[in-house]
Protein backbone atom coordinates (compact mmCIF):
# COMPACT_ATOMS: atom_id res chain seq x y z
CA MET A 1 55.42 144.74 101.79
CA ALA A 2 55.92 145.61 98.12
CA ARG A 3 54.22 148.96 98.69
CA ASP A 4 56.49 149.68 101.66
CA ALA A 5 59.55 148.83 99.55
CA GLU A 6 58.42 151.15 96.76
CA ALA A 7 57.86 153.96 99.26
CA ALA A 8 61.33 153.39 100.71
CA VAL A 9 62.89 153.54 97.25
CA ARG A 10 61.07 156.79 96.42
CA SER A 11 62.19 158.31 99.71
CA LEU A 12 65.78 157.22 99.22
CA ARG A 13 65.77 158.53 95.66
CA ARG A 14 64.72 161.98 96.87
CA TRP A 15 67.37 161.98 99.59
CA CYS A 16 70.03 160.85 97.15
CA LEU A 17 69.14 163.52 94.62
CA GLY A 18 69.34 166.08 97.42
CA ALA A 19 72.79 164.80 98.40
CA VAL A 20 73.97 165.02 94.79
CA ALA A 21 72.68 168.59 94.51
CA LEU A 22 74.48 169.57 97.72
CA ALA A 23 77.65 167.87 96.50
CA VAL A 24 77.57 169.91 93.29
CA CYS A 25 77.21 173.05 95.43
CA ALA A 26 80.19 171.93 97.54
CA TRP A 27 82.38 171.51 94.45
CA LEU A 28 81.33 174.90 93.10
CA ALA A 29 81.87 176.60 96.45
CA ASN A 30 85.35 175.13 96.75
CA ALA A 31 86.16 176.16 93.18
CA LEU A 32 85.09 179.75 93.88
CA LEU A 33 86.10 180.18 97.53
CA GLY A 34 88.71 177.51 98.24
CA PRO A 35 92.17 178.75 99.29
CA LEU A 36 94.85 178.89 96.64
CA ASN A 37 97.48 176.17 96.45
CA GLN A 38 100.86 176.56 94.78
CA ASP A 39 100.43 173.21 93.00
CA GLU A 40 97.54 174.63 90.98
CA GLY A 41 99.90 176.95 89.17
CA TRP A 42 102.49 174.48 88.00
CA TYR A 43 99.95 171.83 86.99
CA LEU A 44 98.04 174.33 84.85
CA TYR A 45 101.22 175.92 83.54
CA ALA A 46 102.55 172.51 82.46
CA ALA A 47 99.35 172.01 80.48
CA ARG A 48 99.78 175.42 78.86
CA ARG A 49 103.36 174.63 77.87
CA LEU A 50 102.15 171.35 76.38
CA MET A 51 99.59 173.33 74.38
CA ALA A 52 102.50 175.44 73.10
CA GLY A 53 104.36 172.36 71.89
CA GLU A 54 106.72 171.72 74.80
CA VAL A 55 106.86 168.45 76.73
CA PRO A 56 107.41 168.04 80.50
CA HIS A 57 110.59 166.16 81.43
CA ARG A 58 112.03 166.89 77.98
CA ASP A 59 111.74 170.67 77.86
CA PHE A 60 111.26 171.61 81.52
CA PHE A 61 111.34 170.11 85.00
CA PHE A 62 108.06 168.58 86.17
CA THR A 63 107.58 166.25 89.11
CA GLN A 64 104.62 164.15 87.90
CA GLY A 65 103.79 162.10 84.82
CA LEU A 66 102.52 163.38 81.50
CA ALA A 67 98.95 162.10 81.68
CA MET A 68 97.44 164.99 83.64
CA PRO A 69 99.00 167.90 81.68
CA ALA A 70 98.19 166.03 78.46
CA LEU A 71 94.51 165.76 79.40
CA TYR A 72 94.33 169.38 80.53
CA ALA A 73 96.12 170.49 77.35
CA ALA A 74 93.61 168.57 75.24
CA PHE A 75 90.80 170.51 76.92
CA GLY A 76 92.76 173.75 77.20
CA TRP A 77 90.36 175.43 74.78
CA LEU A 78 87.66 174.89 77.40
CA TRP A 79 89.26 176.01 80.64
CA SER A 80 92.29 178.19 79.80
CA PRO A 81 90.33 181.33 78.73
CA PHE A 82 89.07 181.51 82.33
CA GLY A 83 92.44 181.13 84.04
CA VAL A 84 92.72 179.36 87.36
CA LEU A 85 88.95 179.36 87.83
CA GLY A 86 88.57 177.54 84.52
CA GLY A 87 91.11 174.96 85.67
CA ARG A 88 89.24 174.55 88.92
CA LEU A 89 85.87 174.06 87.25
CA PHE A 90 87.35 171.50 84.85
CA THR A 91 88.95 169.68 87.79
CA ALA A 92 85.69 169.77 89.74
CA ALA A 93 83.95 168.16 86.77
CA LEU A 94 86.51 165.32 86.94
CA GLY A 95 85.94 164.94 90.68
CA LEU A 96 82.18 164.89 90.25
CA GLY A 97 82.54 162.36 87.44
CA ALA A 98 84.65 160.15 89.73
CA LEU A 99 81.79 159.94 92.20
CA PHE A 100 79.24 159.14 89.50
CA VAL A 101 81.45 156.34 88.16
CA ALA A 102 82.07 154.98 91.66
CA ASP A 103 78.32 155.15 92.20
CA GLY A 104 77.82 152.90 89.17
CA ALA A 105 80.35 150.35 90.43
CA LEU A 106 78.75 150.32 93.87
CA VAL A 107 75.13 149.87 92.83
CA SER A 108 76.07 147.06 90.44
CA CYS A 109 76.80 144.96 93.53
CA HIS A 110 73.18 145.05 94.74
CA LYS A 111 70.03 143.48 93.37
CA ARG A 112 67.34 145.03 95.57
CA PRO A 113 66.45 148.60 94.53
CA GLU A 114 66.29 149.80 98.14
CA ASP A 115 69.82 148.49 98.78
CA ARG A 116 71.05 150.20 95.62
CA TRP A 117 69.63 153.56 96.57
CA LEU A 118 70.79 153.28 100.17
CA ALA A 119 74.35 152.43 99.09
CA ARG A 120 74.26 155.30 96.61
CA LEU A 121 73.06 157.72 99.29
CA MET A 122 75.81 156.70 101.70
CA LEU A 123 78.53 157.10 99.07
CA TRP A 124 77.42 160.64 98.31
CA VAL A 125 77.14 161.40 102.02
CA PHE A 126 80.66 160.11 102.68
CA LEU A 127 82.39 161.91 99.80
CA GLY A 128 80.04 164.36 98.10
CA LEU A 129 79.21 166.06 101.41
CA SER A 130 82.85 166.08 102.53
CA LEU A 131 84.30 169.53 101.93
CA TRP A 132 87.76 168.01 102.31
CA PHE A 133 87.20 165.58 99.45
CA THR A 134 85.41 168.09 97.23
CA TYR A 135 88.10 170.74 97.83
CA PHE A 136 91.00 168.51 96.85
CA THR A 137 89.11 167.28 93.79
CA ALA A 138 88.18 170.85 92.80
CA ILE A 139 91.62 172.48 92.74
CA PRO A 140 93.96 171.51 89.87
CA LYS A 141 95.99 168.80 91.54
CA ALA A 142 96.22 165.19 90.41
CA TYR A 143 93.64 163.82 92.85
CA ALA A 144 90.47 164.36 90.82
CA LEU A 145 91.93 162.56 87.81
CA CYS A 146 93.31 159.80 90.04
CA ALA A 147 89.91 159.37 91.67
CA LEU A 148 88.19 159.25 88.28
CA GLY A 149 90.63 156.72 86.86
CA LEU A 150 90.46 154.55 89.96
CA ALA A 151 86.66 154.56 89.92
CA ALA A 152 86.67 153.76 86.19
CA GLY A 153 89.03 150.81 86.66
CA LEU A 154 86.90 149.41 89.47
CA ARG A 155 83.75 149.95 87.41
CA LEU A 156 85.22 147.94 84.54
CA LEU A 157 85.84 145.03 86.91
CA THR A 158 82.09 144.84 87.56
CA GLY A 159 81.62 143.79 83.92
CA LEU A 160 80.77 140.13 84.44
CA ARG A 161 79.67 137.45 82.01
CA PRO A 162 77.20 134.97 83.57
CA GLY A 163 79.13 132.00 84.88
CA GLU A 164 82.41 133.10 83.25
CA GLY A 165 83.67 135.87 85.51
CA VAL A 166 85.02 139.24 84.39
CA ASP A 167 84.68 139.96 80.69
CA PRO A 168 88.16 139.81 79.06
CA LEU A 169 87.76 143.21 77.43
CA CYS A 170 86.70 144.74 80.75
CA ALA A 171 89.67 143.14 82.52
CA ALA A 172 92.09 144.40 79.87
CA GLY A 173 90.50 147.84 79.97
CA ALA A 174 90.86 147.98 83.75
CA GLY A 175 94.55 147.08 83.45
CA LEU A 176 95.04 149.80 80.85
CA VAL A 177 93.33 152.40 83.05
CA PHE A 178 95.35 151.49 86.15
CA ALA A 179 98.58 151.64 84.13
CA LEU A 180 97.74 155.11 82.81
CA LEU A 181 96.97 156.17 86.39
CA ALA A 182 100.61 155.52 87.23
CA ASP A 183 101.46 158.25 84.71
CA VAL A 184 99.27 160.68 86.66
CA ARG A 185 100.97 159.88 89.97
CA LEU A 186 103.61 157.16 90.04
CA SER A 187 102.37 155.91 93.42
CA MET A 188 99.07 154.88 91.82
CA GLY A 189 101.03 152.13 90.07
CA VAL A 190 100.74 150.01 93.22
CA LEU A 191 97.20 149.17 92.11
CA LEU A 192 98.45 147.08 89.18
CA PRO A 193 100.04 144.26 91.23
CA VAL A 194 97.38 144.45 93.93
CA VAL A 195 94.46 144.05 91.52
CA GLY A 196 96.30 141.55 89.33
CA LEU A 197 97.17 139.29 92.26
CA TRP A 198 93.64 139.56 93.63
CA LEU A 199 92.20 138.45 90.27
CA LEU A 200 94.61 135.52 90.28
CA TRP A 201 93.64 134.61 93.83
CA ARG A 202 89.90 134.89 93.13
CA ARG A 203 90.08 133.32 89.68
CA GLY A 204 87.29 130.94 90.64
CA TRP A 205 85.00 133.97 90.77
CA ALA A 206 86.74 136.37 88.36
CA GLY A 207 87.47 133.76 85.68
CA ARG A 208 90.53 131.63 85.06
CA TRP A 209 92.27 134.12 82.77
CA ALA A 210 90.97 137.47 84.07
CA TRP A 211 94.35 138.19 85.70
CA LEU A 212 96.12 137.57 82.40
CA TRP A 213 93.86 139.89 80.44
CA PHE A 214 94.30 142.49 83.17
CA GLY A 215 98.07 142.10 82.95
CA LEU A 216 98.07 142.44 79.17
CA GLY A 217 96.07 145.65 79.38
CA GLY A 218 98.35 146.92 82.12
CA GLY A 219 101.47 146.09 80.14
CA ALA A 220 100.14 147.92 77.08
CA GLY A 221 99.28 150.93 79.24
CA LEU A 222 102.72 151.03 80.87
CA ALA A 223 104.42 150.82 77.48
CA ALA A 224 102.28 153.66 76.11
CA ALA A 225 102.68 155.83 79.21
CA PHE A 226 106.37 155.39 80.03
CA GLY A 227 107.96 153.99 76.88
CA PRO A 228 108.54 157.32 75.10
CA GLU A 229 109.89 159.00 78.23
CA LEU A 230 112.29 156.19 79.13
CA LEU A 231 113.51 155.87 75.55
CA LEU A 232 113.71 159.52 74.52
CA TRP A 233 114.35 161.57 77.67
CA PRO A 234 115.03 159.24 80.62
CA GLU A 235 117.15 161.77 82.53
CA GLY A 236 114.28 164.21 83.05
CA PHE A 237 111.85 161.47 84.02
CA LEU A 238 114.21 159.85 86.54
CA GLU A 239 115.12 163.24 88.00
CA ALA A 240 111.45 163.94 88.61
CA GLN A 241 111.05 160.67 90.50
CA ALA A 242 114.18 161.30 92.58
CA PHE A 243 112.74 164.66 93.64
CA HIS A 244 109.98 162.94 95.66
CA ALA A 245 112.50 160.96 97.71
CA ALA A 246 114.68 163.96 98.56
CA ARG A 247 112.41 165.51 101.19
CA ALA A 248 113.46 165.43 104.84
CA PRO A 249 111.38 162.59 106.39
CA MET A 250 108.86 163.22 109.17
CA GLY A 251 108.78 159.60 110.33
CA VAL A 252 106.01 157.86 112.25
CA LEU A 253 104.63 161.07 113.71
CA GLY A 254 104.09 162.48 110.22
CA ALA A 255 102.14 159.40 109.15
CA ALA A 256 100.07 159.46 112.36
CA GLY A 257 99.29 163.12 111.84
CA CYS A 258 98.21 162.42 108.26
CA VAL A 259 95.77 159.71 109.38
CA ALA A 260 94.46 161.90 112.20
CA ARG A 261 93.70 164.76 109.83
CA VAL A 262 91.92 162.49 107.35
CA LEU A 263 89.74 161.08 110.14
CA ARG A 264 88.97 164.57 111.44
CA PHE A 265 88.08 165.91 108.01
CA ASN A 266 85.78 162.95 107.23
CA PRO A 267 83.89 162.29 110.49
CA VAL A 268 80.82 160.54 109.05
CA LEU A 269 82.87 158.05 107.04
CA THR A 270 85.07 157.49 110.08
CA VAL A 271 82.16 156.80 112.44
CA VAL A 272 80.35 154.44 110.08
CA GLY A 273 83.55 152.62 109.17
CA LEU A 274 84.45 152.06 112.82
CA LEU A 275 80.88 150.96 113.57
CA LEU A 276 81.00 148.33 110.82
CA VAL A 277 84.40 147.07 111.97
CA TRP A 278 83.12 146.72 115.52
CA LEU A 279 79.98 144.91 114.41
CA TRP A 280 82.03 142.59 112.22
CA LEU A 281 84.43 141.76 115.04
CA ALA A 282 81.76 141.46 117.75
CA LYS A 283 79.13 139.91 115.45
CA ARG A 284 76.41 141.71 117.45
CA PRO A 285 74.12 142.05 115.64
CA ALA A 286 75.24 139.81 112.81
CA LEU A 287 75.55 141.56 109.47
CA LYS A 288 73.36 140.28 106.67
CA LYS A 289 75.13 137.86 104.40
CA ALA A 290 75.72 139.26 100.92
CA THR A 291 74.63 136.71 98.31
CA GLU A 292 75.02 138.77 95.14
CA GLU A 293 77.46 137.49 92.56
CA ARG A 294 79.54 140.68 92.88
CA ALA A 295 79.94 140.32 96.64
CA PRO A 296 83.76 139.72 96.51
CA LEU A 297 84.33 143.17 94.98
CA PRO A 298 84.21 145.15 98.26
CA GLN A 299 87.15 143.05 99.38
CA LEU A 300 89.09 144.35 96.37
CA TRP A 301 88.03 147.90 97.14
CA LEU A 302 89.41 147.62 100.67
CA LEU A 303 92.66 146.18 99.34
CA CYS A 304 93.03 149.10 96.92
CA ALA A 305 92.44 151.62 99.70
CA ALA A 306 94.93 149.85 101.98
CA ALA A 307 97.55 149.64 99.22
CA LEU A 308 97.31 153.35 98.44
CA ALA A 309 97.56 154.21 102.13
CA ALA A 310 100.55 151.88 102.54
CA VAL A 311 102.37 153.66 99.71
CA HIS A 312 101.56 157.23 100.70
CA LEU A 313 101.88 157.13 104.49
CA PRO A 314 105.63 156.28 104.44
CA ALA A 315 106.27 159.29 102.17
CA PRO A 316 108.87 161.70 103.60
CA VAL A 317 106.14 164.32 104.12
CA PRO A 318 102.75 162.53 104.16
CA TYR A 319 100.21 165.27 103.47
CA ASP A 320 96.64 164.27 104.25
CA ASP A 321 95.54 165.02 100.67
CA TYR A 322 97.74 162.14 99.47
CA LEU A 323 94.95 159.86 100.70
CA VAL A 324 92.19 161.47 98.63
CA PRO A 325 92.18 158.72 95.95
CA ALA A 326 92.23 156.01 98.65
CA LEU A 327 88.99 157.34 100.08
CA VAL A 328 87.09 156.43 96.90
CA PRO A 329 87.38 152.63 97.26
CA LEU A 330 87.21 152.92 101.05
CA ALA A 331 83.92 154.84 100.91
CA MET A 332 82.56 152.35 98.37
CA ALA A 333 83.37 149.44 100.70
CA VAL A 334 81.88 151.17 103.74
CA ALA A 335 78.73 152.09 101.81
CA PHE A 336 78.40 148.47 100.72
CA GLY A 337 78.89 147.32 104.32
CA PHE A 338 76.22 149.74 105.50
CA THR A 339 73.64 147.94 103.38
CA LEU A 340 74.48 144.71 105.21
CA LEU A 341 73.15 146.05 108.50
CA PRO A 342 70.03 144.16 109.62
CA PHE A 343 66.52 145.64 109.66
CA ASP A 344 65.55 147.65 106.59
CA SER A 345 63.74 150.36 108.55
CA PHE A 346 66.73 150.84 110.84
CA ARG A 347 69.15 151.21 107.92
CA LEU A 348 66.84 153.68 106.21
CA ALA A 349 66.44 155.86 109.30
CA LEU A 350 70.14 155.74 110.15
CA GLY A 351 71.11 156.60 106.56
CA LYS A 352 68.91 159.71 106.60
CA ALA A 353 70.24 160.72 110.02
CA LEU A 354 73.81 160.41 108.76
CA ALA A 355 72.95 162.55 105.74
CA LEU A 356 71.64 165.30 108.03
CA ALA A 357 74.68 164.95 110.28
CA ALA A 358 76.99 165.31 107.27
CA VAL A 359 75.26 168.51 106.19
CA ALA A 360 75.43 169.92 109.72
CA LEU A 361 79.11 169.06 110.12
CA THR A 362 79.86 170.56 106.71
CA LEU A 363 78.17 173.84 107.57
CA VAL A 364 79.43 174.36 111.12
CA GLY A 365 82.38 172.05 111.69
CA SER A 366 84.49 171.79 108.56
CA PRO A 367 87.91 173.50 108.65
CA ILE A 368 87.62 173.91 104.87
CA ALA A 369 84.52 176.10 105.24
CA GLU A 370 86.42 178.23 107.73
CA GLN A 371 89.23 178.67 105.21
CA TRP A 372 86.74 180.12 102.73
CA VAL A 373 86.38 183.25 104.87
CA ALA A 374 89.26 183.27 107.36
CA MET A 375 93.04 182.96 107.29
CA GLY A 376 94.05 181.94 110.76
CA GLN A 377 93.98 183.88 113.99
CA ASP A 378 95.67 187.04 115.19
CA ARG A 379 96.04 186.57 118.95
CA LEU A 380 92.38 186.49 120.08
CA TRP A 381 90.69 187.40 116.83
CA PRO A 382 90.16 185.48 113.60
CA ARG A 383 91.65 187.17 110.54
CA LEU A 384 88.81 187.45 108.05
CA LYS A 385 89.48 187.71 104.34
CA ALA A 386 88.61 190.98 102.63
CA GLU A 387 87.85 188.97 99.47
CA PRO A 388 88.20 185.36 98.27
CA ASP A 389 91.70 184.25 97.37
CA LEU A 390 90.73 183.71 93.74
CA LEU A 391 89.38 187.25 93.42
CA ARG A 392 92.58 188.69 94.90
CA LEU A 393 94.56 186.61 92.41
CA ARG A 394 92.51 188.08 89.59
CA ARG A 395 93.14 191.61 90.83
CA ALA A 396 96.88 190.96 90.94
CA ALA A 397 96.75 189.39 87.47
CA ALA A 398 94.97 192.46 86.09
CA ILE A 399 97.78 194.71 87.37
CA VAL A 400 100.43 192.42 85.90
CA ARG A 401 98.61 192.09 82.59
CA ALA A 402 98.24 195.86 82.20
CA ALA A 403 101.94 196.38 82.90
CA ALA A 404 102.90 193.60 80.48
CA GLU A 405 100.81 195.17 77.73
CA ARG A 406 102.43 198.56 78.39
CA LEU A 407 105.90 197.03 78.18
CA GLY A 408 105.11 194.68 75.31
CA ALA A 409 106.20 191.73 77.47
CA ASP A 410 104.95 188.15 77.55
CA THR A 411 107.09 186.87 80.44
CA LEU A 412 106.75 187.41 84.19
CA TRP A 413 109.43 186.48 86.69
CA THR A 414 107.52 184.82 89.51
CA GLN A 415 107.50 181.72 91.63
CA ASP A 416 103.74 182.13 92.15
CA THR A 417 102.98 180.25 88.96
CA TYR A 418 99.23 180.58 89.32
CA LEU A 419 99.70 184.34 88.88
CA ALA A 420 101.36 183.78 85.50
CA VAL A 421 98.55 181.40 84.50
CA GLU A 422 95.90 183.89 85.54
CA ALA A 423 97.64 186.74 83.71
CA GLY A 424 98.18 184.63 80.58
CA LEU A 425 101.95 185.14 80.71
CA ASN A 426 104.98 182.86 80.60
CA VAL A 427 107.65 182.46 83.26
CA PRO A 428 111.41 182.34 82.52
CA ARG A 429 112.83 178.93 81.70
CA GLY A 430 113.45 176.99 84.89
CA LEU A 431 110.66 178.55 86.96
CA GLU A 432 107.87 176.29 85.67
CA MET A 433 107.63 174.54 89.05
CA GLY A 434 107.25 177.76 91.04
CA PRO A 435 108.77 177.46 94.53
CA PHE A 436 109.82 173.86 93.73
CA SER A 437 112.04 175.00 90.86
CA LYS A 438 115.76 174.34 90.79
CA PRO A 439 117.87 177.42 91.66
CA ARG A 440 119.21 179.34 88.71
CA PRO A 441 120.95 182.71 88.24
CA LEU A 442 118.61 185.68 88.06
CA ALA A 443 118.47 187.15 84.56
CA PRO A 444 116.30 190.31 84.58
CA ALA A 445 116.62 190.54 80.81
CA ASP A 446 114.43 187.42 80.60
CA ALA A 447 111.46 189.31 82.03
CA PRO A 448 110.86 193.05 82.46
CA LEU A 449 108.25 192.32 85.14
CA ALA A 450 108.50 190.43 88.42
CA ALA A 451 106.09 189.44 91.17
CA TRP A 452 107.21 187.81 94.38
CA SER A 453 105.49 186.74 97.57
CA GLY A 454 106.56 184.99 100.76
CA TYR A 455 107.28 181.86 98.70
CA ALA A 456 109.99 183.52 96.58
CA HIS A 457 113.36 181.80 97.18
CA ALA A 458 111.97 180.38 100.43
CA LEU A 459 112.67 176.70 99.71
CA ARG A 460 115.94 174.89 99.17
CA PHE A 461 115.95 172.43 96.27
CA PRO A 462 115.36 169.49 96.39
CA ASP A 463 114.64 168.77 100.07
CA LEU A 464 112.42 171.90 100.35
CA ALA A 465 113.94 172.92 103.66
CA PRO A 466 114.15 176.68 104.36
CA ALA A 467 116.69 178.21 101.96
CA PRO A 468 119.72 179.56 103.86
CA ASP A 469 120.55 182.19 101.20
CA ARG A 470 117.04 183.60 100.88
CA ALA A 471 117.86 187.10 102.17
CA ALA A 472 120.67 187.56 99.66
CA ARG A 473 118.59 186.31 96.74
CA LEU A 474 115.65 188.55 97.70
CA ALA A 475 118.02 191.52 97.85
CA GLU A 476 119.28 190.64 94.37
CA LEU A 477 115.69 190.42 93.16
CA ARG A 478 114.82 193.78 94.70
CA ALA A 479 117.86 195.39 93.08
CA ALA A 480 116.99 193.92 89.67
CA TYR A 481 113.39 195.17 89.85
CA PRO A 482 113.59 198.46 91.77
CA ARG A 483 110.37 200.07 90.56
CA THR A 484 107.40 198.85 92.60
CA LEU A 485 104.09 198.91 90.79
CA ALA A 486 101.85 197.48 93.51
CA THR A 487 101.82 195.50 96.74
CA LEU A 488 98.96 193.25 97.83
CA ARG A 489 98.71 191.88 101.34
CA ASP A 490 97.26 188.47 102.18
CA PHE A 491 97.91 187.07 98.73
CA GLY A 492 97.84 183.44 97.63
CA GLN A 493 98.73 180.35 99.59
CA GLY A 494 99.91 181.31 103.05
CA HIS A 495 98.46 184.83 102.60
CA THR A 496 101.79 186.64 102.31
CA THR A 497 102.49 190.03 100.74
CA LEU A 498 102.84 190.13 96.95
CA THR A 499 105.12 192.72 95.38
CA ILE A 500 104.77 193.55 91.68
CA ALA A 501 107.73 195.44 90.20
CA GLU A 502 109.53 196.20 86.97
CA ARG A 503 113.16 196.66 86.05
CA THR A 504 114.45 200.01 84.97
CA ALA A 505 115.32 200.65 81.35
CA PRO A 506 118.90 199.69 80.40
């Protein structure tokens, strides 16, 4: 029996290492080939402005907290020389780190080596082999950092002292991490009361005062994250939060569509999760009883996932990527539940089959993989990309950079902020948020160069409905920059036409 167990562990180790290697490839492929997203530009641009000494909310409009641009600014020396690709690779490293940290929290809940390696394999199958998860944690949005912080907080709560529950320093550290997460995305703040109340409820397991230590750490984190903003520039901070509530709501159908897309993009996690729920309800066959001292933790993971879903689904426009951080604790709980299935040989065979299924679905069934090479359909025929979106962005940036050097300019009028980041240029004050920027009068003297795509003046602030005065504002833009330098079709998010132009000499 011992020899069989050792053989199973060796086999699972090989499969797990293979899944990790494929996951790294998925992150790299999404960084290189993934479609562009407007959010990438203003997140990276905010970090660049922070590197230049400006502060979001105080010096320019920004819709999220300071934590993400502050982290990216601290590592700007690493990623900024490589433009958007550098930002993507740095983000992918955060996303990959999130899965490694979640892996550590998950395996700490198992004593048998074969259960540890099986749980680890399933976690990497659920998330590392999901092109949806790896894409949204490879492009510079807040999700990779949220996933990493969430995994780190949950990992700290596995720090137990024999017979005394969660170590006080670990509990305080978890509270601090969850508080700082709220400064990445305010909605992540829901984790503080959820985890704190759970520690209070399970104080017989977690320790009598674990909830208090967690609360002290959380309070210190909230003071550090939000104190300066609320004391020094509260107007900008509150305006940023009001922006998120101004969108025209989509209602129940929007939330249902969000859930449907998440299920479709993560089929293996969906199938296994539903299987475990059915087995738990039907009790046929009965799941093995978990006896490890960390067994209550999956309950917390499910609560965290449910809380994040409950906050994000009622959003006015619930995009499916809002649920990316929630999938981390959900996948951890499902992977833990998978190890409770009876019959070791059955679990081992099913785990390997699911790994193969995940690879097959990734290669032939993922909409993300299709977006690497195609951009929708023209009547009967798919519209294939002539080159990856990132390469086309670099070509446009080279044209803009050459013109800026000729004119001695350092500013580009554009609402495609990722183009300014890639070209190493600034945008006029007020355009830091790209298409989400507040309307302001056009001042051609601010920038001798302009670049506009289908996103220019397309959105009304702040509800982001179609702008009724777009035609007039585009005509004003065309008149201010009459000399066209280049046009590029199928550019950026939405694959619209990009026009690069300059104003005539006064």
